N, C-alpha and C. Protein backbone atom coordinates (compact mmCIF):
# COMPACT_ATOMS: atom_id res chain seq x y z
N MET A 1 1.58 27.52 -13.71
CA MET A 1 0.34 27.21 -14.52
C MET A 1 -0.82 28.05 -13.96
N ALA A 2 -1.51 28.61 -14.92
CA ALA A 2 -2.68 29.37 -14.65
C ALA A 2 -3.83 28.43 -13.97
N THR A 3 -4.51 28.94 -13.08
CA THR A 3 -5.57 28.21 -12.45
C THR A 3 -6.93 28.56 -12.98
N GLN A 4 -6.93 29.55 -13.88
CA GLN A 4 -8.21 29.95 -14.45
C GLN A 4 -8.32 29.13 -15.90
N ALA A 5 -9.52 28.79 -16.16
CA ALA A 5 -9.76 28.07 -17.43
C ALA A 5 -9.67 28.94 -18.60
N PRO A 6 -8.98 28.62 -19.71
CA PRO A 6 -8.95 29.41 -20.85
C PRO A 6 -10.41 29.55 -21.43
N PRO A 7 -10.56 30.76 -22.24
CA PRO A 7 -11.98 30.92 -22.80
C PRO A 7 -12.41 29.67 -23.60
N GLY A 8 -13.69 29.20 -23.45
CA GLY A 8 -14.20 28.02 -24.09
C GLY A 8 -13.87 26.72 -23.51
N ASP A 9 -12.99 26.67 -22.44
CA ASP A 9 -12.66 25.50 -21.65
C ASP A 9 -13.63 25.08 -20.65
N ASP A 10 -14.32 23.97 -20.77
CA ASP A 10 -15.33 23.52 -19.75
C ASP A 10 -14.83 22.92 -18.51
N ALA A 11 -13.42 22.72 -18.36
CA ALA A 11 -12.88 22.08 -17.30
C ALA A 11 -13.08 22.95 -15.99
N VAL A 12 -13.35 22.22 -14.87
CA VAL A 12 -13.38 22.83 -13.61
C VAL A 12 -11.97 22.73 -12.98
N TRP A 13 -11.19 23.79 -13.09
CA TRP A 13 -9.80 23.81 -12.52
C TRP A 13 -9.84 24.01 -11.16
N LEU A 14 -8.71 23.60 -10.44
CA LEU A 14 -8.56 23.72 -9.03
C LEU A 14 -8.17 25.14 -8.73
N ASP A 15 -8.72 25.70 -7.63
CA ASP A 15 -8.42 27.01 -7.22
C ASP A 15 -7.05 26.91 -6.49
N PRO A 16 -6.32 28.01 -6.18
CA PRO A 16 -5.05 27.97 -5.60
C PRO A 16 -4.99 27.23 -4.30
N ALA A 17 -5.91 27.24 -3.42
CA ALA A 17 -5.97 26.42 -2.21
C ALA A 17 -6.15 24.95 -2.45
N GLU A 18 -7.00 24.66 -3.38
CA GLU A 18 -7.26 23.26 -3.77
C GLU A 18 -5.90 22.63 -4.36
N MET A 19 -5.26 23.46 -5.23
CA MET A 19 -4.15 23.03 -5.95
C MET A 19 -2.94 22.70 -4.90
N ARG A 20 -2.82 23.66 -3.91
CA ARG A 20 -1.82 23.48 -2.80
C ARG A 20 -2.11 22.21 -2.02
N ALA A 21 -3.37 21.90 -1.68
CA ALA A 21 -3.76 20.80 -1.00
C ALA A 21 -3.29 19.49 -1.78
N TRP A 22 -3.71 19.55 -3.05
CA TRP A 22 -3.57 18.33 -3.94
C TRP A 22 -2.09 18.11 -4.13
N ARG A 23 -1.26 19.13 -4.40
CA ARG A 23 0.13 19.01 -4.61
C ARG A 23 0.94 18.60 -3.32
N THR A 24 0.44 19.16 -2.24
CA THR A 24 1.12 18.78 -0.96
C THR A 24 0.75 17.46 -0.65
N PHE A 25 -0.32 16.85 -0.85
CA PHE A 25 -0.65 15.42 -0.70
C PHE A 25 0.21 14.53 -1.51
N ILE A 26 0.27 14.88 -2.79
CA ILE A 26 0.98 14.00 -3.73
C ILE A 26 2.54 14.01 -3.44
N ASP A 27 3.04 15.26 -3.16
CA ASP A 27 4.48 15.30 -2.96
C ASP A 27 4.91 14.63 -1.66
N ALA A 28 4.04 14.76 -0.46
CA ALA A 28 4.34 14.23 0.75
C ALA A 28 4.12 12.59 0.59
N SER A 29 3.10 12.21 0.02
CA SER A 29 2.83 10.73 -0.27
C SER A 29 4.12 10.07 -1.02
N ASN A 30 4.33 10.64 -2.11
CA ASN A 30 5.44 10.17 -2.89
C ASN A 30 6.81 10.09 -2.12
N ARG A 31 6.98 11.12 -1.30
CA ARG A 31 8.28 11.13 -0.55
C ARG A 31 8.20 10.11 0.51
N LEU A 32 7.14 10.12 1.27
CA LEU A 32 7.04 9.13 2.37
C LEU A 32 7.17 7.68 1.77
N ASP A 33 6.50 7.42 0.67
CA ASP A 33 6.63 6.07 0.05
C ASP A 33 8.20 5.86 -0.34
N ALA A 34 8.78 6.85 -0.92
CA ALA A 34 10.17 6.70 -1.30
C ALA A 34 11.06 6.38 -0.08
N VAL A 35 10.92 7.11 1.02
CA VAL A 35 11.72 7.03 2.20
C VAL A 35 11.57 5.69 2.82
N LEU A 36 10.32 5.19 2.96
CA LEU A 36 9.94 3.90 3.52
C LEU A 36 10.54 2.77 2.60
N ASN A 37 10.41 2.91 1.36
CA ASN A 37 10.79 1.91 0.38
C ASN A 37 12.37 1.82 0.41
N LYS A 38 12.94 2.95 0.50
CA LYS A 38 14.50 2.87 0.53
C LYS A 38 15.00 2.30 1.88
N SER A 39 14.44 2.60 2.88
CA SER A 39 14.79 2.08 4.22
C SER A 39 14.60 0.48 4.16
N LEU A 40 13.45 -0.04 3.71
CA LEU A 40 13.24 -1.39 3.71
C LEU A 40 14.25 -2.08 2.71
N SER A 41 14.44 -1.50 1.60
CA SER A 41 15.27 -2.02 0.60
C SER A 41 16.80 -2.10 1.15
N ASP A 42 17.32 -0.94 1.61
CA ASP A 42 18.66 -0.93 2.13
C ASP A 42 18.84 -1.85 3.29
N ASN A 43 17.92 -1.95 4.28
CA ASN A 43 18.08 -2.65 5.50
C ASN A 43 17.67 -4.18 5.49
N HIS A 44 16.72 -4.44 4.49
CA HIS A 44 16.10 -5.69 4.59
C HIS A 44 15.88 -6.36 3.26
N ASP A 45 16.39 -5.74 2.22
CA ASP A 45 16.33 -6.12 0.73
C ASP A 45 14.87 -6.53 0.48
N LEU A 46 13.84 -5.62 0.90
CA LEU A 46 12.51 -5.82 0.62
C LEU A 46 11.98 -4.57 0.07
N ALA A 47 11.06 -4.63 -0.94
CA ALA A 47 10.36 -3.43 -1.40
C ALA A 47 9.18 -3.18 -0.46
N LEU A 48 8.66 -1.97 -0.39
CA LEU A 48 7.48 -1.58 0.46
C LEU A 48 6.35 -2.37 0.01
N ALA A 49 6.07 -2.56 -1.38
CA ALA A 49 4.96 -3.32 -1.80
C ALA A 49 5.06 -4.76 -1.38
N ASP A 50 6.33 -5.45 -1.38
CA ASP A 50 6.48 -6.77 -0.88
C ASP A 50 6.15 -6.91 0.59
N TYR A 51 6.60 -5.87 1.36
CA TYR A 51 6.41 -5.82 2.82
C TYR A 51 4.87 -5.88 3.08
N ARG A 52 4.23 -4.99 2.31
CA ARG A 52 2.79 -5.00 2.55
C ARG A 52 2.11 -6.33 2.32
N ILE A 53 2.54 -7.01 1.26
CA ILE A 53 1.97 -8.40 1.10
C ILE A 53 2.36 -9.29 2.17
N LEU A 54 3.50 -9.32 2.68
CA LEU A 54 3.84 -10.12 3.83
C LEU A 54 3.07 -9.80 5.01
N VAL A 55 2.85 -8.54 5.30
CA VAL A 55 1.97 -8.07 6.34
C VAL A 55 0.61 -8.71 6.32
N LEU A 56 -0.06 -8.46 5.21
CA LEU A 56 -1.40 -8.92 4.99
C LEU A 56 -1.56 -10.51 5.05
N LEU A 57 -0.52 -11.30 4.59
CA LEU A 57 -0.52 -12.65 4.79
C LEU A 57 -0.32 -13.03 6.18
N SER A 58 0.51 -12.26 6.93
CA SER A 58 0.84 -12.62 8.41
C SER A 58 -0.41 -12.32 9.23
N GLU A 59 -1.43 -11.51 8.77
CA GLU A 59 -2.60 -11.18 9.58
C GLU A 59 -3.66 -12.12 9.27
N ALA A 60 -3.57 -12.98 8.17
CA ALA A 60 -4.55 -13.91 7.74
C ALA A 60 -4.62 -15.18 8.38
N ASP A 61 -5.69 -15.80 8.53
CA ASP A 61 -5.87 -17.18 9.14
C ASP A 61 -4.86 -18.08 8.33
N ASP A 62 -4.08 -18.84 9.04
CA ASP A 62 -3.18 -19.88 8.51
C ASP A 62 -2.18 -19.16 7.52
N PHE A 63 -2.02 -17.80 7.60
CA PHE A 63 -1.12 -17.10 6.78
C PHE A 63 -1.42 -17.21 5.32
N THR A 64 -2.65 -17.33 5.13
CA THR A 64 -3.16 -17.66 3.66
C THR A 64 -4.15 -16.70 3.25
N LEU A 65 -4.06 -16.26 1.95
CA LEU A 65 -5.15 -15.47 1.40
C LEU A 65 -5.37 -15.77 -0.03
N ARG A 66 -6.58 -15.76 -0.57
CA ARG A 66 -6.76 -15.96 -2.04
C ARG A 66 -6.12 -14.82 -2.65
N MET A 67 -5.56 -15.10 -3.85
CA MET A 67 -4.89 -13.99 -4.57
C MET A 67 -5.76 -12.83 -4.80
N SER A 68 -7.12 -12.99 -5.04
CA SER A 68 -7.88 -11.94 -5.30
C SER A 68 -8.20 -11.07 -4.06
N GLU A 69 -8.21 -11.68 -2.96
CA GLU A 69 -8.34 -10.90 -1.62
C GLU A 69 -6.96 -10.10 -1.38
N LEU A 70 -5.95 -10.85 -1.70
CA LEU A 70 -4.63 -10.12 -1.55
C LEU A 70 -4.50 -8.88 -2.43
N ALA A 71 -4.88 -9.04 -3.65
CA ALA A 71 -4.90 -7.97 -4.63
C ALA A 71 -5.69 -6.77 -4.12
N ASP A 72 -6.91 -7.06 -3.58
CA ASP A 72 -7.71 -6.01 -2.99
C ASP A 72 -7.11 -5.40 -1.78
N GLY A 73 -6.44 -6.18 -0.94
CA GLY A 73 -5.88 -5.69 0.24
C GLY A 73 -4.62 -4.78 0.03
N VAL A 74 -3.90 -5.04 -1.13
CA VAL A 74 -2.80 -4.14 -1.45
C VAL A 74 -3.08 -3.11 -2.52
N VAL A 75 -4.24 -3.11 -2.96
CA VAL A 75 -4.83 -2.22 -3.96
C VAL A 75 -3.97 -2.22 -5.16
N ALA A 76 -3.93 -3.41 -5.77
CA ALA A 76 -3.13 -3.66 -6.91
C ALA A 76 -4.06 -4.44 -8.00
N SER A 77 -3.72 -4.39 -9.15
CA SER A 77 -4.40 -5.16 -10.21
C SER A 77 -3.95 -6.69 -9.93
N ARG A 78 -4.76 -7.63 -10.30
CA ARG A 78 -4.40 -9.03 -10.12
C ARG A 78 -3.15 -9.33 -10.87
N SER A 79 -2.90 -8.85 -12.04
CA SER A 79 -1.78 -9.17 -12.81
C SER A 79 -0.42 -8.56 -12.15
N LYS A 80 -0.63 -7.41 -11.63
CA LYS A 80 0.65 -6.89 -10.85
C LYS A 80 0.94 -7.70 -9.62
N LEU A 81 -0.22 -8.02 -8.83
CA LEU A 81 -0.03 -8.86 -7.71
C LEU A 81 0.58 -10.18 -7.94
N THR A 82 0.17 -10.78 -9.25
CA THR A 82 0.72 -12.06 -9.60
C THR A 82 2.23 -11.95 -9.85
N HIS A 83 2.67 -10.94 -10.41
CA HIS A 83 4.09 -10.68 -10.60
C HIS A 83 4.83 -10.53 -9.27
N GLN A 84 4.19 -9.75 -8.43
CA GLN A 84 4.88 -9.61 -7.10
C GLN A 84 4.96 -10.92 -6.37
N VAL A 85 3.92 -11.64 -6.42
CA VAL A 85 3.96 -12.89 -5.66
C VAL A 85 4.97 -13.89 -6.23
N ARG A 86 4.99 -13.88 -7.48
CA ARG A 86 5.99 -14.79 -8.22
C ARG A 86 7.42 -14.37 -7.72
N ARG A 87 7.69 -13.06 -7.65
CA ARG A 87 9.02 -12.68 -7.20
C ARG A 87 9.24 -13.07 -5.75
N LEU A 88 8.16 -12.99 -4.84
CA LEU A 88 8.31 -13.42 -3.43
C LEU A 88 8.43 -14.87 -3.46
N GLU A 89 7.77 -15.59 -4.33
CA GLU A 89 7.87 -17.03 -4.33
C GLU A 89 9.22 -17.48 -4.68
N ALA A 90 9.94 -16.71 -5.57
CA ALA A 90 11.24 -17.15 -6.03
C ALA A 90 12.27 -17.05 -4.87
N THR A 91 11.99 -16.11 -3.91
CA THR A 91 12.89 -15.87 -2.84
C THR A 91 12.58 -16.85 -1.60
N GLY A 92 11.43 -17.57 -1.79
CA GLY A 92 11.04 -18.48 -0.69
C GLY A 92 10.19 -17.93 0.36
N MET A 93 9.70 -16.69 0.13
CA MET A 93 8.92 -15.94 1.23
C MET A 93 7.42 -16.31 1.22
N VAL A 94 6.97 -16.86 -0.07
CA VAL A 94 5.53 -17.03 -0.26
C VAL A 94 5.45 -18.27 -1.13
N THR A 95 4.53 -19.05 -0.93
CA THR A 95 4.10 -20.16 -1.93
C THR A 95 2.72 -19.89 -2.45
N ARG A 96 2.52 -20.48 -3.63
CA ARG A 96 1.11 -20.36 -4.16
C ARG A 96 0.57 -21.87 -4.10
N VAL A 97 -0.74 -22.03 -3.66
CA VAL A 97 -1.47 -23.27 -3.72
C VAL A 97 -2.69 -23.13 -4.20
N GLU A 98 -3.21 -24.34 -4.82
CA GLU A 98 -4.47 -24.30 -5.30
C GLU A 98 -5.55 -24.16 -4.20
N CYS A 99 -6.65 -23.37 -4.49
CA CYS A 99 -7.57 -23.26 -3.47
C CYS A 99 -8.48 -24.47 -3.25
N ASP A 100 -8.71 -24.94 -2.13
CA ASP A 100 -9.53 -26.12 -1.81
C ASP A 100 -10.96 -25.94 -2.22
N SER A 101 -11.50 -24.84 -2.04
CA SER A 101 -12.95 -24.57 -2.24
C SER A 101 -13.20 -24.25 -3.69
N ASP A 102 -12.23 -23.77 -4.40
CA ASP A 102 -12.59 -23.41 -5.77
C ASP A 102 -11.29 -23.72 -6.63
N ARG A 103 -11.36 -24.72 -7.43
CA ARG A 103 -10.14 -25.14 -8.21
C ARG A 103 -9.56 -24.10 -9.04
N ARG A 104 -10.35 -23.08 -9.44
CA ARG A 104 -9.90 -22.02 -10.30
C ARG A 104 -9.09 -21.05 -9.53
N GLY A 105 -9.36 -21.02 -8.17
CA GLY A 105 -8.74 -20.05 -7.30
C GLY A 105 -7.31 -20.52 -6.82
N VAL A 106 -6.49 -19.48 -6.53
CA VAL A 106 -5.19 -19.70 -6.02
C VAL A 106 -4.98 -18.88 -4.65
N ASN A 107 -4.27 -19.55 -3.79
CA ASN A 107 -4.07 -18.91 -2.52
C ASN A 107 -2.61 -18.54 -2.41
N ALA A 108 -2.25 -17.57 -1.83
CA ALA A 108 -0.85 -17.17 -1.47
C ALA A 108 -0.66 -17.53 0.00
N VAL A 109 0.46 -18.20 0.31
CA VAL A 109 0.75 -18.63 1.63
C VAL A 109 2.09 -18.00 2.09
N LEU A 110 2.09 -17.43 3.22
CA LEU A 110 3.29 -16.95 3.92
C LEU A 110 4.20 -18.13 4.39
N THR A 111 5.45 -18.16 4.03
CA THR A 111 6.32 -19.22 4.48
C THR A 111 6.93 -18.82 5.79
N GLU A 112 7.67 -19.80 6.41
CA GLU A 112 8.38 -19.49 7.59
C GLU A 112 9.58 -18.47 7.30
N ALA A 113 10.14 -18.71 6.00
CA ALA A 113 11.16 -17.63 5.65
C ALA A 113 10.59 -16.24 5.43
N GLY A 114 9.49 -16.22 4.96
CA GLY A 114 8.76 -14.91 4.73
C GLY A 114 8.32 -14.24 6.13
N LEU A 115 7.80 -15.10 6.97
CA LEU A 115 7.52 -14.64 8.36
C LEU A 115 8.73 -14.14 8.98
N GLY A 116 9.88 -14.80 8.87
CA GLY A 116 11.07 -14.39 9.49
C GLY A 116 11.65 -13.12 8.91
N ARG A 117 11.57 -12.94 7.61
CA ARG A 117 11.94 -11.65 7.04
C ARG A 117 11.06 -10.48 7.53
N LEU A 118 9.71 -10.77 7.57
CA LEU A 118 8.85 -9.69 8.03
C LEU A 118 9.09 -9.46 9.56
N LYS A 119 9.38 -10.40 10.32
CA LYS A 119 9.70 -10.05 11.78
C LYS A 119 11.01 -9.32 11.83
N ALA A 120 11.87 -9.63 11.03
CA ALA A 120 13.20 -8.84 11.08
C ALA A 120 13.01 -7.42 10.58
N ALA A 121 12.14 -7.13 9.62
CA ALA A 121 11.91 -5.75 9.04
C ALA A 121 11.03 -4.97 9.86
N ALA A 122 10.02 -5.56 10.58
CA ALA A 122 8.83 -4.90 11.09
C ALA A 122 9.46 -3.82 12.17
N PRO A 123 10.26 -4.06 13.04
CA PRO A 123 10.63 -2.97 14.01
C PRO A 123 11.25 -1.71 13.41
N GLY A 124 12.04 -1.92 12.37
CA GLY A 124 12.69 -0.79 11.81
C GLY A 124 11.63 0.02 10.95
N HIS A 125 10.74 -0.80 10.28
CA HIS A 125 9.77 -0.20 9.49
C HIS A 125 8.74 0.68 10.29
N ALA A 126 8.33 0.17 11.49
CA ALA A 126 7.45 0.82 12.43
C ALA A 126 8.23 2.05 12.91
N ALA A 127 9.41 2.01 13.19
CA ALA A 127 10.23 3.06 13.65
C ALA A 127 10.28 4.20 12.60
N ASP A 128 10.48 3.71 11.36
CA ASP A 128 10.43 4.70 10.26
C ASP A 128 9.03 5.42 10.05
N VAL A 129 7.99 4.63 10.16
CA VAL A 129 6.63 5.12 9.99
C VAL A 129 6.36 6.19 11.18
N ARG A 130 6.85 5.79 12.38
CA ARG A 130 6.68 6.68 13.46
C ARG A 130 7.46 7.98 13.22
N ARG A 131 8.81 7.89 12.72
CA ARG A 131 9.71 9.01 12.64
C ARG A 131 9.11 9.98 11.60
N TYR A 132 8.72 9.45 10.48
CA TYR A 132 8.41 10.26 9.27
C TYR A 132 6.97 10.73 9.20
N MET A 133 6.08 9.94 9.88
CA MET A 133 4.70 10.43 9.85
C MET A 133 4.04 10.59 11.27
N ILE A 134 4.03 9.50 12.05
CA ILE A 134 3.19 9.55 13.31
C ILE A 134 3.75 10.63 14.23
N ASP A 135 4.95 10.76 14.56
CA ASP A 135 5.52 11.72 15.37
C ASP A 135 5.53 13.17 14.95
N ALA A 136 5.33 13.34 13.64
CA ALA A 136 5.26 14.65 12.93
C ALA A 136 3.93 15.20 13.16
N LEU A 137 2.92 14.48 13.60
CA LEU A 137 1.47 14.87 13.67
C LEU A 137 1.00 14.88 15.09
N THR A 138 0.12 15.71 15.36
CA THR A 138 -0.59 15.78 16.62
C THR A 138 -1.66 14.66 16.66
N GLY A 139 -2.15 14.31 17.74
CA GLY A 139 -3.22 13.45 17.80
C GLY A 139 -4.46 13.88 17.03
N ARG A 140 -4.76 15.10 17.03
CA ARG A 140 -5.91 15.64 16.29
C ARG A 140 -5.58 15.52 14.81
N GLN A 141 -4.43 15.84 14.35
CA GLN A 141 -4.06 15.66 12.97
C GLN A 141 -4.19 14.23 12.53
N LEU A 142 -3.82 13.26 13.32
CA LEU A 142 -3.80 11.78 12.96
C LEU A 142 -5.36 11.46 12.84
N ARG A 143 -6.21 11.86 13.72
CA ARG A 143 -7.62 11.57 13.68
C ARG A 143 -8.17 12.15 12.36
N MET A 144 -7.83 13.43 12.00
CA MET A 144 -8.25 14.12 10.91
C MET A 144 -7.86 13.45 9.63
N LEU A 145 -6.50 12.92 9.58
CA LEU A 145 -5.98 12.31 8.47
C LEU A 145 -6.81 10.96 8.25
N THR A 146 -7.08 10.33 9.30
CA THR A 146 -7.78 9.07 9.22
C THR A 146 -9.26 9.32 8.63
N ASP A 147 -9.91 10.33 9.12
CA ASP A 147 -11.24 10.67 8.64
C ASP A 147 -11.21 11.20 7.18
N VAL A 148 -10.23 11.97 6.79
CA VAL A 148 -10.14 12.54 5.42
C VAL A 148 -9.88 11.37 4.46
N PHE A 149 -8.88 10.57 4.68
CA PHE A 149 -8.52 9.51 3.77
C PHE A 149 -9.45 8.38 3.85
N GLY A 150 -10.11 8.17 4.99
CA GLY A 150 -11.24 7.24 4.96
C GLY A 150 -12.34 7.69 4.02
N THR A 151 -12.66 8.86 3.93
CA THR A 151 -13.68 9.46 3.06
C THR A 151 -13.23 9.36 1.65
N VAL A 152 -12.02 9.71 1.37
CA VAL A 152 -11.40 9.63 0.00
C VAL A 152 -11.48 8.15 -0.42
N ASP A 153 -11.07 7.21 0.39
CA ASP A 153 -10.96 5.86 0.11
C ASP A 153 -12.43 5.31 -0.23
N ALA A 154 -13.38 5.61 0.53
CA ALA A 154 -14.72 5.19 0.33
C ALA A 154 -15.33 5.71 -0.97
N ARG A 155 -14.93 6.90 -1.43
CA ARG A 155 -15.37 7.48 -2.67
C ARG A 155 -14.71 6.72 -3.89
N CYS A 156 -13.50 6.40 -3.59
CA CYS A 156 -12.72 5.75 -4.78
C CYS A 156 -13.17 4.24 -4.82
N ARG A 157 -13.49 3.65 -3.77
CA ARG A 157 -14.04 2.29 -3.66
C ARG A 157 -15.30 2.20 -4.53
N GLU A 158 -16.19 3.20 -4.54
CA GLU A 158 -17.40 3.30 -5.33
C GLU A 158 -17.08 3.05 -6.80
N VAL A 159 -15.88 3.43 -7.22
CA VAL A 159 -15.68 3.46 -8.61
C VAL A 159 -15.00 2.10 -9.02
N THR A 160 -14.14 1.43 -8.05
CA THR A 160 -13.37 0.37 -8.27
C THR A 160 -14.05 -0.97 -7.92
N THR A 161 -15.21 -0.89 -7.20
CA THR A 161 -15.87 -2.18 -6.88
C THR A 161 -17.10 -2.33 -7.66
């Protein structure tokens, strides 16, 4: 694909270096997601998105988060999160309860079964993250990655909040 804009086109196209950076990020991100998802699915019958929900609930006080907070934490729409939590609820890993402080609110609660599944999956998942990402990078690259994507995340949050 040409990187120069056609005559009369006002779009600001990516130059070759910018396009390489963008495509490298997209390709690596999608591949890493696929590898981690496949490993969790094959070894623990968990999707990466479900694992992330279990992690966030395990880190919360009383293993409980409002659905809106959980949606923000997993960077998902509330409707998508509701679907995911229903699926986790059907397997006994999560329950939903009415929020005490706001009757309109709903909390997601990690169950003992969910905590057990998370504890079983966590060591292998951590090893996979280390194998496919952490150990592939130097300490300097990890710090740079944190800085770069912290900046991108902050810019995107300006639009989504």
